[in-house]
Structures are given as structure tokens and as C-alpha cells.
PDB file of all heavy atoms in Angstrom:
ATOM      1  N   SER A   1       0.829  -1.197   0.000  1.00  0.00           N
ATOM      2  CA  SER A   1       0.000   0.000   0.000  1.00  0.00           C
ATOM      3  C   SER A   1       0.866   1.250   0.000  1.00  0.00           C
ATOM      4  O   SER A   1       1.590   1.507   0.960  1.00  0.00           O
ATOM      5  CB  SER A   1      -0.910   0.033   1.223  1.00  0.00           C
ATOM      6  OG  SER A   1      -1.586   1.272   1.297  1.00  0.00           O
ATOM      7  N   PRO A   2       0.777   2.041  -1.053  1.00  0.00           N
ATOM      8  CA  PRO A   2       1.519   3.309  -1.073  1.00  0.00           C
ATOM      9  C   PRO A   2       0.899   4.359  -0.147  1.00  0.00           C
ATOM     10  O   PRO A   2       1.518   5.367   0.148  1.00  0.00           O
ATOM     11  CB  PRO A   2       1.441   3.743  -2.541  1.00  0.00           C
ATOM     12  CG  PRO A   2       0.206   3.097  -3.061  1.00  0.00           C
ATOM     13  CD  PRO A   2       0.070   1.800  -2.307  1.00  0.00           C
ATOM     14  N   ARG A   3      -0.307   4.126   0.344  1.00  0.00           N
ATOM     15  CA  ARG A   3      -0.996   5.085   1.216  1.00  0.00           C
ATOM     16  C   ARG A   3      -0.542   5.005   2.670  1.00  0.00           C
ATOM     17  O   ARG A   3      -0.777   5.925   3.440  1.00  0.00           O
ATOM     18  CB  ARG A   3      -2.509   4.844   1.157  1.00  0.00           C
ATOM     19  CG  ARG A   3      -3.110   5.158  -0.190  1.00  0.00           C
ATOM     20  CD  ARG A   3      -4.598   4.910  -0.210  1.00  0.00           C
ATOM     21  NE  ARG A   3      -5.250   5.570   0.909  1.00  0.00           N
ATOM     22  CZ  ARG A   3      -6.421   5.211   1.401  1.00  0.00           C
ATOM     23  NH1 ARG A   3      -7.062   4.180   0.889  1.00  0.00           N
ATOM     24  NH2 ARG A   3      -6.950   5.857   2.410  1.00  0.00           N
ATOM     25  N   HIS A   4       0.062   3.909   3.068  1.00  0.00           N
ATOM     26  CA  HIS A   4       0.460   3.719   4.455  1.00  0.00           C
ATOM     27  C   HIS A   4       1.972   3.887   4.605  1.00  0.00           C
ATOM     28  O   HIS A   4       2.735   3.449   3.742  1.00  0.00           O
ATOM     29  CB  HIS A   4       0.045   2.321   4.943  1.00  0.00           C
ATOM     30  CG  HIS A   4      -1.425   2.125   4.965  1.00  0.00           C
ATOM     31  ND1 HIS A   4      -2.147   1.781   3.848  1.00  0.00           N
ATOM     32  CD2 HIS A   4      -2.322   2.252   5.968  1.00  0.00           C
ATOM     33  CE1 HIS A   4      -3.423   1.683   4.166  1.00  0.00           C
ATOM     34  NE2 HIS A   4      -3.559   1.971   5.443  1.00  0.00           N
ATOM     35  N   LYS A   5       2.396   4.499   5.703  1.00  0.00           N
ATOM     36  CA  LYS A   5       3.832   4.715   5.944  1.00  0.00           C
ATOM     37  C   LYS A   5       4.610   3.411   5.920  1.00  0.00           C
ATOM     38  O   LYS A   5       5.738   3.352   5.473  1.00  0.00           O
ATOM     39  CB  LYS A   5       4.052   5.394   7.292  1.00  0.00           C
ATOM     40  CG  LYS A   5       3.719   6.856   7.301  1.00  0.00           C
ATOM     41  CD  LYS A   5       4.069   7.451   8.658  1.00  0.00           C
ATOM     42  CE  LYS A   5       3.718   8.902   8.716  1.00  0.00           C
ATOM     43  NZ  LYS A   5       4.069   9.503  10.003  1.00  0.00           N
ATOM     44  N   SER A   6       4.000   2.349   6.409  1.00  0.00           N
ATOM     45  CA  SER A   6       4.676   1.045   6.451  1.00  0.00           C
ATOM     46  C   SER A   6       4.815   0.426   5.069  1.00  0.00           C
ATOM     47  O   SER A   6       5.623  -0.477   4.871  1.00  0.00           O
ATOM     48  CB  SER A   6       3.888   0.082   7.340  1.00  0.00           C
ATOM     49  OG  SER A   6       2.624  -0.189   6.747  1.00  0.00           O
ATOM     50  N   GLY A   7       3.990   0.894   4.111  1.00  0.00           N
ATOM     51  CA  GLY A   7       3.984   0.300   2.781  1.00  0.00           C
ATOM     52  C   GLY A   7       3.140  -0.964   2.713  1.00  0.00           C
ATOM     53  O   GLY A   7       3.131  -1.668   1.705  1.00  0.00           O
ATOM     54  N   ILE A   8       2.405  -1.259   3.794  1.00  0.00           N
ATOM     55  CA  ILE A   8       1.620  -2.489   3.900  1.00  0.00           C
ATOM     56  C   ILE A   8       0.216  -2.160   4.400  1.00  0.00           C
ATOM     57  O   ILE A   8       0.041  -1.341   5.295  1.00  0.00           O
ATOM     58  CB  ILE A   8       2.287  -3.483   4.871  1.00  0.00           C
ATOM     59  CG1 ILE A   8       3.669  -3.883   4.349  1.00  0.00           C
ATOM     60  CG2 ILE A   8       1.423  -4.712   5.095  1.00  0.00           C
ATOM     61  CD1 ILE A   8       4.491  -4.662   5.340  1.00  0.00           C
ATOM     62  N   ALA A   9      -0.780  -2.821   3.837  1.00  0.00           N
ATOM     63  CA  ALA A   9      -2.151  -2.704   4.320  1.00  0.00           C
ATOM     64  C   ALA A   9      -2.670  -4.093   4.686  1.00  0.00           C
ATOM     65  O   ALA A   9      -2.420  -5.066   3.974  1.00  0.00           O
ATOM     66  CB  ALA A   9      -3.054  -2.100   3.248  1.00  0.00           C
ATOM     67  N   LEU A  10      -3.349  -4.173   5.811  1.00  0.00           N
ATOM     68  CA  LEU A  10      -3.973  -5.423   6.240  1.00  0.00           C
ATOM     69  C   LEU A  10      -5.458  -5.349   5.936  1.00  0.00           C
ATOM     70  O   LEU A  10      -6.101  -4.342   6.182  1.00  0.00           O
ATOM     71  CB  LEU A  10      -3.770  -5.645   7.744  1.00  0.00           C
ATOM     72  CG  LEU A  10      -2.331  -5.696   8.222  1.00  0.00           C
ATOM     73  CD1 LEU A  10      -2.293  -5.878   9.739  1.00  0.00           C
ATOM     74  CD2 LEU A  10      -1.567  -6.807   7.537  1.00  0.00           C
ATOM     75  N   ARG A  11      -6.019  -6.443   5.430  1.00  0.00           N
ATOM     76  CA  ARG A  11      -7.443  -6.493   5.121  1.00  0.00           C
ATOM     77  C   ARG A  11      -8.186  -7.014   6.345  1.00  0.00           C
ATOM     78  O   ARG A  11      -7.881  -8.080   6.857  1.00  0.00           O
ATOM     79  CB  ARG A  11      -7.661  -7.416   3.920  1.00  0.00           C
ATOM     80  CG  ARG A  11      -9.079  -7.502   3.479  1.00  0.00           C
ATOM     81  CD  ARG A  11      -9.157  -8.366   2.220  1.00  0.00           C
ATOM     82  NE  ARG A  11     -10.500  -8.736   1.948  1.00  0.00           N
ATOM     83  CZ  ARG A  11     -11.317  -8.081   1.128  1.00  0.00           C
ATOM     84  NH1 ARG A  11     -10.866  -7.015   0.502  1.00  0.00           N
ATOM     85  NH2 ARG A  11     -12.543  -8.491   0.935  1.00  0.00           N
ATOM     86  N   PHE A  12      -9.150  -6.249   6.815  1.00  0.00           N
ATOM     87  CA  PHE A  12      -9.977  -6.573   7.976  1.00  0.00           C
ATOM     88  C   PHE A  12      -9.147  -6.905   9.226  1.00  0.00           C
ATOM     89  O   PHE A  12      -9.311  -7.961   9.826  1.00  0.00           O
ATOM     90  CB  PHE A  12     -10.943  -7.718   7.661  1.00  0.00           C
ATOM     91  CG  PHE A  12     -11.858  -7.427   6.520  1.00  0.00           C
ATOM     92  CD1 PHE A  12     -11.798  -8.184   5.362  1.00  0.00           C
ATOM     93  CD2 PHE A  12     -12.767  -6.396   6.586  1.00  0.00           C
ATOM     94  CE1 PHE A  12     -12.642  -7.922   4.291  1.00  0.00           C
ATOM     95  CE2 PHE A  12     -13.623  -6.114   5.514  1.00  0.00           C
ATOM     96  CZ  PHE A  12     -13.555  -6.881   4.370  1.00  0.00           C
ATOM     97  N   PRO A  13      -8.250  -5.974   9.629  1.00  0.00           N
ATOM     98  CA  PRO A  13      -7.462  -6.247  10.842  1.00  0.00           C
ATOM     99  C   PRO A  13      -8.332  -6.144  12.092  1.00  0.00           C
ATOM    100  O   PRO A  13      -9.302  -5.381  12.123  1.00  0.00           O
ATOM    101  CB  PRO A  13      -6.406  -5.144  10.826  1.00  0.00           C
ATOM    102  CG  PRO A  13      -7.070  -4.014  10.104  1.00  0.00           C
ATOM    103  CD  PRO A  13      -7.948  -4.672   9.063  1.00  0.00           C
ATOM    104  N   ARG A  14      -8.002  -6.938  13.101  1.00  0.00           N
ATOM    105  CA  ARG A  14      -8.730  -6.876  14.369  1.00  0.00           C
ATOM    106  C   ARG A  14      -7.826  -7.371  15.493  1.00  0.00           C
ATOM    107  O   ARG A  14      -6.925  -8.180  15.280  1.00  0.00           O
ATOM    108  CB  ARG A  14     -10.014  -7.688  14.320  1.00  0.00           C
ATOM    109  CG  ARG A  14      -9.788  -9.149  14.004  1.00  0.00           C
ATOM    110  CD  ARG A  14     -11.024  -9.779  13.380  1.00  0.00           C
ATOM    111  NE  ARG A  14     -10.769 -11.125  12.921  1.00  0.00           N
ATOM    112  CZ  ARG A  14     -10.273 -11.451  11.737  1.00  0.00           C
ATOM    113  NH1 ARG A  14      -9.932 -10.514  10.883  1.00  0.00           N
ATOM    114  NH2 ARG A  14     -10.106 -12.703  11.395  1.00  0.00           N
ATOM    115  N   ILE A  15      -8.089  -6.853  16.671  1.00  0.00           N
ATOM    116  CA  ILE A  15      -7.346  -7.280  17.853  1.00  0.00           C
ATOM    117  C   ILE A  15      -7.994  -8.553  18.377  1.00  0.00           C
ATOM    118  O   ILE A  15      -9.198  -8.585  18.642  1.00  0.00           O
ATOM    119  CB  ILE A  15      -7.358  -6.191  18.934  1.00  0.00           C
ATOM    120  CG1 ILE A  15      -6.603  -4.951  18.443  1.00  0.00           C
ATOM    121  CG2 ILE A  15      -6.745  -6.710  20.236  1.00  0.00           C
ATOM    122  CD1 ILE A  15      -6.681  -3.760  19.392  1.00  0.00           C
ATOM    123  N   LEU A  16      -7.203  -9.613  18.512  1.00  0.00           N
ATOM    124  CA  LEU A  16      -7.709 -10.858  19.080  1.00  0.00           C
ATOM    125  C   LEU A  16      -7.637 -10.843  20.596  1.00  0.00           C
ATOM    126  O   LEU A  16      -8.547 -11.281  21.280  1.00  0.00           O
ATOM    127  CB  LEU A  16      -6.917 -12.059  18.557  1.00  0.00           C
ATOM    128  CG  LEU A  16      -7.114 -12.437  17.109  1.00  0.00           C
ATOM    129  CD1 LEU A  16      -6.288 -13.670  16.777  1.00  0.00           C
ATOM    130  CD2 LEU A  16      -8.579 -12.694  16.815  1.00  0.00           C
ATOM    131  N   ARG A  17      -6.494 -10.387  21.110  1.00  0.00           N
ATOM    132  CA  ARG A  17      -6.346 -10.330  22.567  1.00  0.00           C
ATOM    133  C   ARG A  17      -5.191  -9.420  22.947  1.00  0.00           C
ATOM    134  O   ARG A  17      -4.268  -9.193  22.179  1.00  0.00           O
ATOM    135  CB  ARG A  17      -6.175 -11.711  23.155  1.00  0.00           C
ATOM    136  CG  ARG A  17      -4.806 -12.325  22.914  1.00  0.00           C
ATOM    137  CD  ARG A  17      -4.716 -13.747  23.405  1.00  0.00           C
ATOM    138  NE  ARG A  17      -4.542 -14.544  22.204  1.00  0.00           N
ATOM    139  CZ  ARG A  17      -5.031 -15.732  22.004  1.00  0.00           C
ATOM    140  NH1 ARG A  17      -5.723 -16.319  22.930  1.00  0.00           N
ATOM    141  NH2 ARG A  17      -4.827 -16.370  20.884  1.00  0.00           N
ATOM    142  N   TRP A  18      -5.276  -8.921  24.143  1.00  0.00           N
ATOM    143  CA  TRP A  18      -4.224  -8.126  24.757  1.00  0.00           C
ATOM    144  C   TRP A  18      -3.265  -9.111  25.399  1.00  0.00           C
ATOM    145  O   TRP A  18      -3.649  -9.895  26.265  1.00  0.00           O
ATOM    146  CB  TRP A  18      -4.847  -7.216  25.794  1.00  0.00           C
ATOM    147  CG  TRP A  18      -3.928  -6.249  26.469  1.00  0.00           C
ATOM    148  CD1 TRP A  18      -2.582  -6.095  26.288  1.00  0.00           C
ATOM    149  CD2 TRP A  18      -4.305  -5.284  27.450  1.00  0.00           C
ATOM    150  NE1 TRP A  18      -2.104  -5.102  27.094  1.00  0.00           N
ATOM    151  CE2 TRP A  18      -3.141  -4.584  27.824  1.00  0.00           C
ATOM    152  CE3 TRP A  18      -5.501  -4.947  28.053  1.00  0.00           C
ATOM    153  CZ2 TRP A  18      -3.152  -3.577  28.766  1.00  0.00           C
ATOM    154  CZ3 TRP A  18      -5.506  -3.944  28.991  1.00  0.00           C
ATOM    155  CH2 TRP A  18      -4.347  -3.261  29.336  1.00  0.00           C
ATOM    156  N   ARG A  19      -2.019  -9.100  24.977  1.00  0.00           N
ATOM    157  CA  ARG A  19      -1.020 -10.055  25.463  1.00  0.00           C
ATOM    158  C   ARG A  19      -0.246  -9.451  26.628  1.00  0.00           C
ATOM    159  O   ARG A  19       0.881  -9.010  26.486  1.00  0.00           O
ATOM    160  CB  ARG A  19      -0.094 -10.467  24.327  1.00  0.00           C
ATOM    161  CG  ARG A  19      -0.763 -11.219  23.204  1.00  0.00           C
ATOM    162  CD  ARG A  19      -1.354 -12.546  23.677  1.00  0.00           C
ATOM    163  NE  ARG A  19      -0.398 -13.387  24.344  1.00  0.00           N
ATOM    164  CZ  ARG A  19       0.281 -14.374  23.752  1.00  0.00           C
ATOM    165  NH1 ARG A  19       0.066 -14.651  22.490  1.00  0.00           N
ATOM    166  NH2 ARG A  19       1.152 -15.087  24.442  1.00  0.00           N
ATOM    167  N   ARG A  20      -0.856  -9.442  27.789  1.00  0.00           N
ATOM    168  CA  ARG A  20      -0.197  -8.908  28.993  1.00  0.00           C
ATOM    169  C   ARG A  20       0.999  -9.775  29.390  1.00  0.00           C
ATOM    170  O   ARG A  20       1.861  -9.321  30.129  1.00  0.00           O
ATOM    171  CB  ARG A  20      -1.194  -8.852  30.145  1.00  0.00           C
ATOM    172  CG  ARG A  20      -2.347  -7.910  29.893  1.00  0.00           C
ATOM    173  CD  ARG A  20      -3.338  -8.032  31.031  1.00  0.00           C
ATOM    174  NE  ARG A  20      -4.597  -7.406  30.719  1.00  0.00           N
ATOM    175  CZ  ARG A  20      -5.076  -6.359  31.365  1.00  0.00           C
ATOM    176  NH1 ARG A  20      -4.417  -5.815  32.347  1.00  0.00           N
ATOM    177  NH2 ARG A  20      -6.244  -5.858  31.022  1.00  0.00           N
ATOM    178  N   ASP A  21       1.020 -11.009  28.899  1.00  0.00           N
ATOM    179  CA  ASP A  21       2.113 -11.931  29.235  1.00  0.00           C
ATOM    180  C   ASP A  21       3.355 -11.735  28.367  1.00  0.00           C
ATOM    181  O   ASP A  21       4.374 -12.369  28.600  1.00  0.00           O
ATOM    182  CB  ASP A  21       1.627 -13.377  29.102  1.00  0.00           C
ATOM    183  CG  ASP A  21       1.182 -13.712  27.685  1.00  0.00           C
ATOM    184  OD1 ASP A  21       0.554 -12.855  27.029  1.00  0.00           O
ATOM    185  OD2 ASP A  21       1.450 -14.830  27.227  1.00  0.00           O
ATOM    186  N   LYS A  22       3.278 -10.871  27.357  1.00  0.00           N
ATOM    187  CA  LYS A  22       4.394 -10.677  26.427  1.00  0.00           C
ATOM    188  C   LYS A  22       4.978  -9.278  26.560  1.00  0.00           C
ATOM    189  O   LYS A  22       4.255  -8.293  26.510  1.00  0.00           O
ATOM    190  CB  LYS A  22       3.925 -10.845  24.975  1.00  0.00           C
ATOM    191  CG  LYS A  22       3.470 -12.228  24.610  1.00  0.00           C
ATOM    192  CD  LYS A  22       4.645 -13.112  24.387  1.00  0.00           C
ATOM    193  CE  LYS A  22       4.188 -14.488  23.919  1.00  0.00           C
ATOM    194  NZ  LYS A  22       5.313 -15.370  23.747  1.00  0.00           N
ATOM    195  N   PRO A  23       6.297  -9.175  26.673  1.00  0.00           N
ATOM    196  CA  PRO A  23       6.921  -7.849  26.666  1.00  0.00           C
ATOM    197  C   PRO A  23       7.043  -7.339  25.225  1.00  0.00           C
ATOM    198  O   PRO A  23       7.065  -8.124  24.277  1.00  0.00           O
ATOM    199  CB  PRO A  23       8.300  -8.097  27.273  1.00  0.00           C
ATOM    200  CG  PRO A  23       8.596  -9.528  26.950  1.00  0.00           C
ATOM    201  CD  PRO A  23       7.259 -10.235  26.952  1.00  0.00           C
ATOM    202  N   ALA A  24       7.137  -6.051  25.077  1.00  0.00           N
ATOM    203  CA  ALA A  24       7.250  -5.449  23.745  1.00  0.00           C
ATOM    204  C   ALA A  24       8.504  -5.918  23.010  1.00  0.00           C
ATOM    205  O   ALA A  24       8.548  -5.889  21.781  1.00  0.00           O
ATOM    206  CB  ALA A  24       7.230  -3.933  23.858  1.00  0.00           C
ATOM    207  N   THR A  25       9.498  -6.397  23.736  1.00  0.00           N
ATOM    208  CA  THR A  25      10.728  -6.880  23.096  1.00  0.00           C
ATOM    209  C   THR A  25      10.502  -8.170  22.302  1.00  0.00           C
ATOM    210  O   THR A  25      11.352  -8.553  21.501  1.00  0.00           O
ATOM    211  CB  THR A  25      11.827  -7.122  24.148  1.00  0.00           C
ATOM    212  OG1 THR A  25      11.341  -8.021  25.140  1.00  0.00           O
ATOM    213  CG2 THR A  25      12.258  -5.823  24.791  1.00  0.00           C
ATOM    214  N   GLU A  26       9.361  -8.827  22.494  1.00  0.00           N
ATOM    215  CA  GLU A  26       9.082 -10.091  21.807  1.00  0.00           C
ATOM    216  C   GLU A  26       8.104  -9.953  20.634  1.00  0.00           C
ATOM    217  O   GLU A  26       7.665 -10.954  20.083  1.00  0.00           O
ATOM    218  CB  GLU A  26       8.519 -11.108  22.794  1.00  0.00           C
ATOM    219  CG  GLU A  26       9.509 -11.561  23.828  1.00  0.00           C
ATOM    220  CD  GLU A  26       8.944 -12.631  24.750  1.00  0.00           C
ATOM    221  OE1 GLU A  26       7.890 -13.224  24.439  1.00  0.00           O
ATOM    222  OE2 GLU A  26       9.567 -12.867  25.802  1.00  0.00           O
ATOM    223  N   ILE A  27       7.797  -8.735  20.226  1.00  0.00           N
ATOM    224  CA  ILE A  27       6.812  -8.551  19.163  1.00  0.00           C
ATOM    225  C   ILE A  27       7.380  -8.909  17.792  1.00  0.00           C
ATOM    226  O   ILE A  27       8.594  -8.903  17.579  1.00  0.00           O
ATOM    227  CB  ILE A  27       6.275  -7.111  19.127  1.00  0.00           C
ATOM    228  CG1 ILE A  27       7.404  -6.118  18.792  1.00  0.00           C
ATOM    229  CG2 ILE A  27       5.576  -6.756  20.410  1.00  0.00           C
ATOM    230  CD1 ILE A  27       6.926  -4.740  18.424  1.00  0.00           C
ATOM    231  N   ASP A  28       6.474  -9.203  16.856  1.00  0.00           N
ATOM    232  CA  ASP A  28       6.873  -9.312  15.458  1.00  0.00           C
ATOM    233  C   ASP A  28       7.062  -7.902  14.925  1.00  0.00           C
ATOM    234  O   ASP A  28       6.586  -6.931  15.512  1.00  0.00           O
ATOM    235  CB  ASP A  28       5.795 -10.029  14.641  1.00  0.00           C
ATOM    236  CG  ASP A  28       5.903 -11.534  14.756  1.00  0.00           C
ATOM    237  OD1 ASP A  28       7.006 -12.038  14.994  1.00  0.00           O
ATOM    238  OD2 ASP A  28       4.871 -12.199  14.602  1.00  0.00           O
ATOM    239  N   THR A  29       7.727  -7.787  13.803  1.00  0.00           N
ATOM    240  CA  THR A  29       8.062  -6.480  13.239  1.00  0.00           C
ATOM    241  C   THR A  29       7.517  -6.358  11.817  1.00  0.00           C
ATOM    242  O   THR A  29       6.943  -7.310  11.268  1.00  0.00           O
ATOM    243  CB  THR A  29       9.589  -6.306  13.209  1.00  0.00           C
ATOM    244  OG1 THR A  29      10.138  -7.314  12.348  1.00  0.00           O
ATOM    245  CG2 THR A  29      10.195  -6.429  14.611  1.00  0.00           C
ATOM    246  N   LEU A  30       7.743  -5.200  11.233  1.00  0.00           N
ATOM    247  CA  LEU A  30       7.344  -5.008   9.835  1.00  0.00           C
ATOM    248  C   LEU A  30       8.059  -6.005   8.926  1.00  0.00           C
ATOM    249  O   LEU A  30       7.511  -6.402   7.900  1.00  0.00           O
ATOM    250  CB  LEU A  30       7.653  -3.581   9.378  1.00  0.00           C
ATOM    251  CG  LEU A  30       6.692  -2.519   9.864  1.00  0.00           C
ATOM    252  CD1 LEU A  30       7.209  -1.130   9.504  1.00  0.00           C
ATOM    253  CD2 LEU A  30       5.310  -2.741   9.268  1.00  0.00           C
ATOM    254  N   GLU A  31       9.244  -6.430   9.303  1.00  0.00           N
ATOM    255  CA  GLU A  31       9.962  -7.418   8.496  1.00  0.00           C
ATOM    256  C   GLU A  31       9.166  -8.721   8.415  1.00  0.00           C
ATOM    257  O   GLU A  31       9.156  -9.380   7.372  1.00  0.00           O
ATOM    258  CB  GLU A  31      11.362  -7.668   9.060  1.00  0.00           C
ATOM    259  CG  GLU A  31      12.349  -6.550   8.794  1.00  0.00           C
ATOM    260  CD  GLU A  31      12.062  -5.266   9.586  1.00  0.00           C
ATOM    261  OE1 GLU A  31      11.582  -5.360  10.734  1.00  0.00           O
ATOM    262  OE2 GLU A  31      12.304  -4.189   9.042  1.00  0.00           O
ATOM    263  N   THR A  32       8.508  -9.098   9.489  1.00  0.00           N
ATOM    264  CA  THR A  32       7.662 -10.302   9.478  1.00  0.00           C
ATOM    265  C   THR A  32       6.521 -10.128   8.487  1.00  0.00           C
ATOM    266  O   THR A  32       6.226 -11.039   7.708  1.00  0.00           O
ATOM    267  CB  THR A  32       7.091 -10.578  10.885  1.00  0.00           C
ATOM    268  OG1 THR A  32       8.169 -10.707  11.805  1.00  0.00           O
ATOM    269  CG2 THR A  32       6.254 -11.842  10.891  1.00  0.00           C
ATOM    270  N   LEU A  33       5.893  -8.951   8.496  1.00  0.00           N
ATOM    271  CA  LEU A  33       4.809  -8.697   7.538  1.00  0.00           C
ATOM    272  C   LEU A  33       5.321  -8.666   6.104  1.00  0.00           C
ATOM    273  O   LEU A  33       4.659  -9.179   5.196  1.00  0.00           O
ATOM    274  CB  LEU A  33       4.100  -7.372   7.860  1.00  0.00           C
ATOM    275  CG  LEU A  33       3.184  -7.392   9.074  1.00  0.00           C
ATOM    276  CD1 LEU A  33       2.628  -5.994   9.327  1.00  0.00           C
ATOM    277  CD2 LEU A  33       2.066  -8.379   8.884  1.00  0.00           C
ATOM    278  N   ARG A  34       6.487  -8.084   5.919  1.00  0.00           N
ATOM    279  CA  ARG A  34       7.063  -8.059   4.556  1.00  0.00           C
ATOM    280  C   ARG A  34       7.354  -9.478   4.064  1.00  0.00           C
ATOM    281  O   ARG A  34       7.172  -9.796   2.886  1.00  0.00           O
ATOM    282  CB  ARG A  34       8.312  -7.196   4.534  1.00  0.00           C
ATOM    283  CG  ARG A  34       7.989  -5.711   4.656  1.00  0.00           C
ATOM    284  CD  ARG A  34       9.224  -4.837   4.497  1.00  0.00           C
ATOM    285  NE  ARG A  34       8.844  -3.461   4.714  1.00  0.00           N
ATOM    286  CZ  ARG A  34       9.157  -2.747   5.791  1.00  0.00           C
ATOM    287  NH1 ARG A  34       9.900  -3.265   6.750  1.00  0.00           N
ATOM    288  NH2 ARG A  34       8.763  -1.495   5.894  1.00  0.00           N
ATOM    289  N   ALA A  35       7.794 -10.343   4.963  1.00  0.00           N
ATOM    290  CA  ALA A  35       8.034 -11.745   4.588  1.00  0.00           C
ATOM    291  C   ALA A  35       6.724 -12.418   4.204  1.00  0.00           C
ATOM    292  O   ALA A  35       6.667 -13.170   3.223  1.00  0.00           O
ATOM    293  CB  ALA A  35       8.715 -12.492   5.735  1.00  0.00           C
ATOM    294  N   LEU A  36       5.658 -12.158   4.964  1.00  0.00           N
ATOM    295  CA  LEU A  36       4.336 -12.702   4.604  1.00  0.00           C
ATOM    296  C   LEU A  36       3.903 -12.198   3.237  1.00  0.00           C
ATOM    297  O   LEU A  36       3.370 -12.936   2.420  1.00  0.00           O
ATOM    298  CB  LEU A  36       3.289 -12.312   5.644  1.00  0.00           C
ATOM    299  CG  LEU A  36       3.314 -13.037   6.974  1.00  0.00           C
ATOM    300  CD1 LEU A  36       2.334 -12.378   7.942  1.00  0.00           C
ATOM    301  CD2 LEU A  36       2.963 -14.487   6.782  1.00  0.00           C
ATOM    302  N   LEU A  37       4.128 -10.925   3.003  1.00  0.00           N
ATOM    303  CA  LEU A  37       3.761 -10.324   1.729  1.00  0.00           C
ATOM    304  C   LEU A  37       4.530 -10.937   0.564  1.00  0.00           C
ATOM    305  O   LEU A  37       3.952 -11.233  -0.480  1.00  0.00           O
ATOM    306  CB  LEU A  37       4.014  -8.820   1.795  1.00  0.00           C
ATOM    307  CG  LEU A  37       3.490  -7.939   0.685  1.00  0.00           C
ATOM    308  CD1 LEU A  37       1.992  -8.117   0.502  1.00  0.00           C
ATOM    309  CD2 LEU A  37       3.811  -6.493   0.969  1.00  0.00           C
ATOM    310  N   SER A  38       5.796 -11.200   0.771  1.00  0.00           N
ATOM    311  CA  SER A  38       6.596 -11.786  -0.308  1.00  0.00           C
ATOM    312  C   SER A  38       6.220 -13.245  -0.574  1.00  0.00           C
ATOM    313  O   SER A  38       6.411 -13.743  -1.684  1.00  0.00           O
ATOM    314  CB  SER A  38       8.095 -11.671   0.004  1.00  0.00           C
ATOM    315  OG  SER A  38       8.441 -12.503   1.080  1.00  0.00           O
ATOM    316  N   GLN A  39       5.660 -13.938   0.412  1.00  0.00           N
ATOM    317  CA  GLN A  39       5.223 -15.332   0.234  1.00  0.00           C
ATOM    318  C   GLN A  39       3.934 -15.437  -0.578  1.00  0.00           C
ATOM    319  O   GLN A  39       3.625 -16.495  -1.102  1.00  0.00           O
ATOM    320  CB  GLN A  39       4.993 -15.995   1.592  1.00  0.00           C
ATOM    321  CG  GLN A  39       6.262 -16.245   2.365  1.00  0.00           C
ATOM    322  CD  GLN A  39       5.986 -16.759   3.757  1.00  0.00           C
ATOM    323  OE1 GLN A  39       4.850 -17.057   4.109  1.00  0.00           O
ATOM    324  NE2 GLN A  39       7.018 -16.854   4.567  1.00  0.00           N
ATOM    325  N   ARG A  40       3.200 -14.326  -0.661  1.00  0.00           N
ATOM    326  CA  ARG A  40       1.944 -14.323  -1.420  1.00  0.00           C
ATOM    327  C   ARG A  40       2.180 -14.662  -2.883  1.00  0.00           C
ATOM    328  O   ARG A  40       1.316 -15.167  -3.553  1.00  0.00           O
ATOM    329  CB  ARG A  40       1.284 -12.962  -1.351  1.00  0.00           C
ATOM    330  CG  ARG A  40       0.520 -12.694  -0.139  1.00  0.00           C
ATOM    331  CD  ARG A  40      -0.195 -11.389  -0.274  1.00  0.00           C
ATOM    332  NE  ARG A  40      -0.200 -10.986  -1.677  1.00  0.00           N
ATOM    333  CZ  ARG A  40      -0.798  -9.936  -2.161  1.00  0.00           C
ATOM    334  NH1 ARG A  40      -1.427  -9.144  -1.382  1.00  0.00           N
ATOM    335  NH2 ARG A  40      -0.756  -9.626  -3.428  1.00  0.00           N
TER     336      ARG A  40
END
């Protein structure tokens, strides 16, 4: 998506749950999304 700063748009995004058990240091990154995008 050229409209988003990340260059990526998600179709019908939604929050499944708040992960209070996970620190922010363990999150996935834009690189993970770019890898998903390249697998398409």
C-alpha cells in the first residue's frame, strides 16, 4: 500500500487479545509482515 507509511495494508485487521504476558521486546516487526507479503 503506497498510502500507508509502512507500505503495507492489512485487510480486515482486528485485535484478538491483549497479550499482557508478552513484553514489547518479543513482538513481530514489519519485516515479518514483509516476509508474509513476499510469500503471497
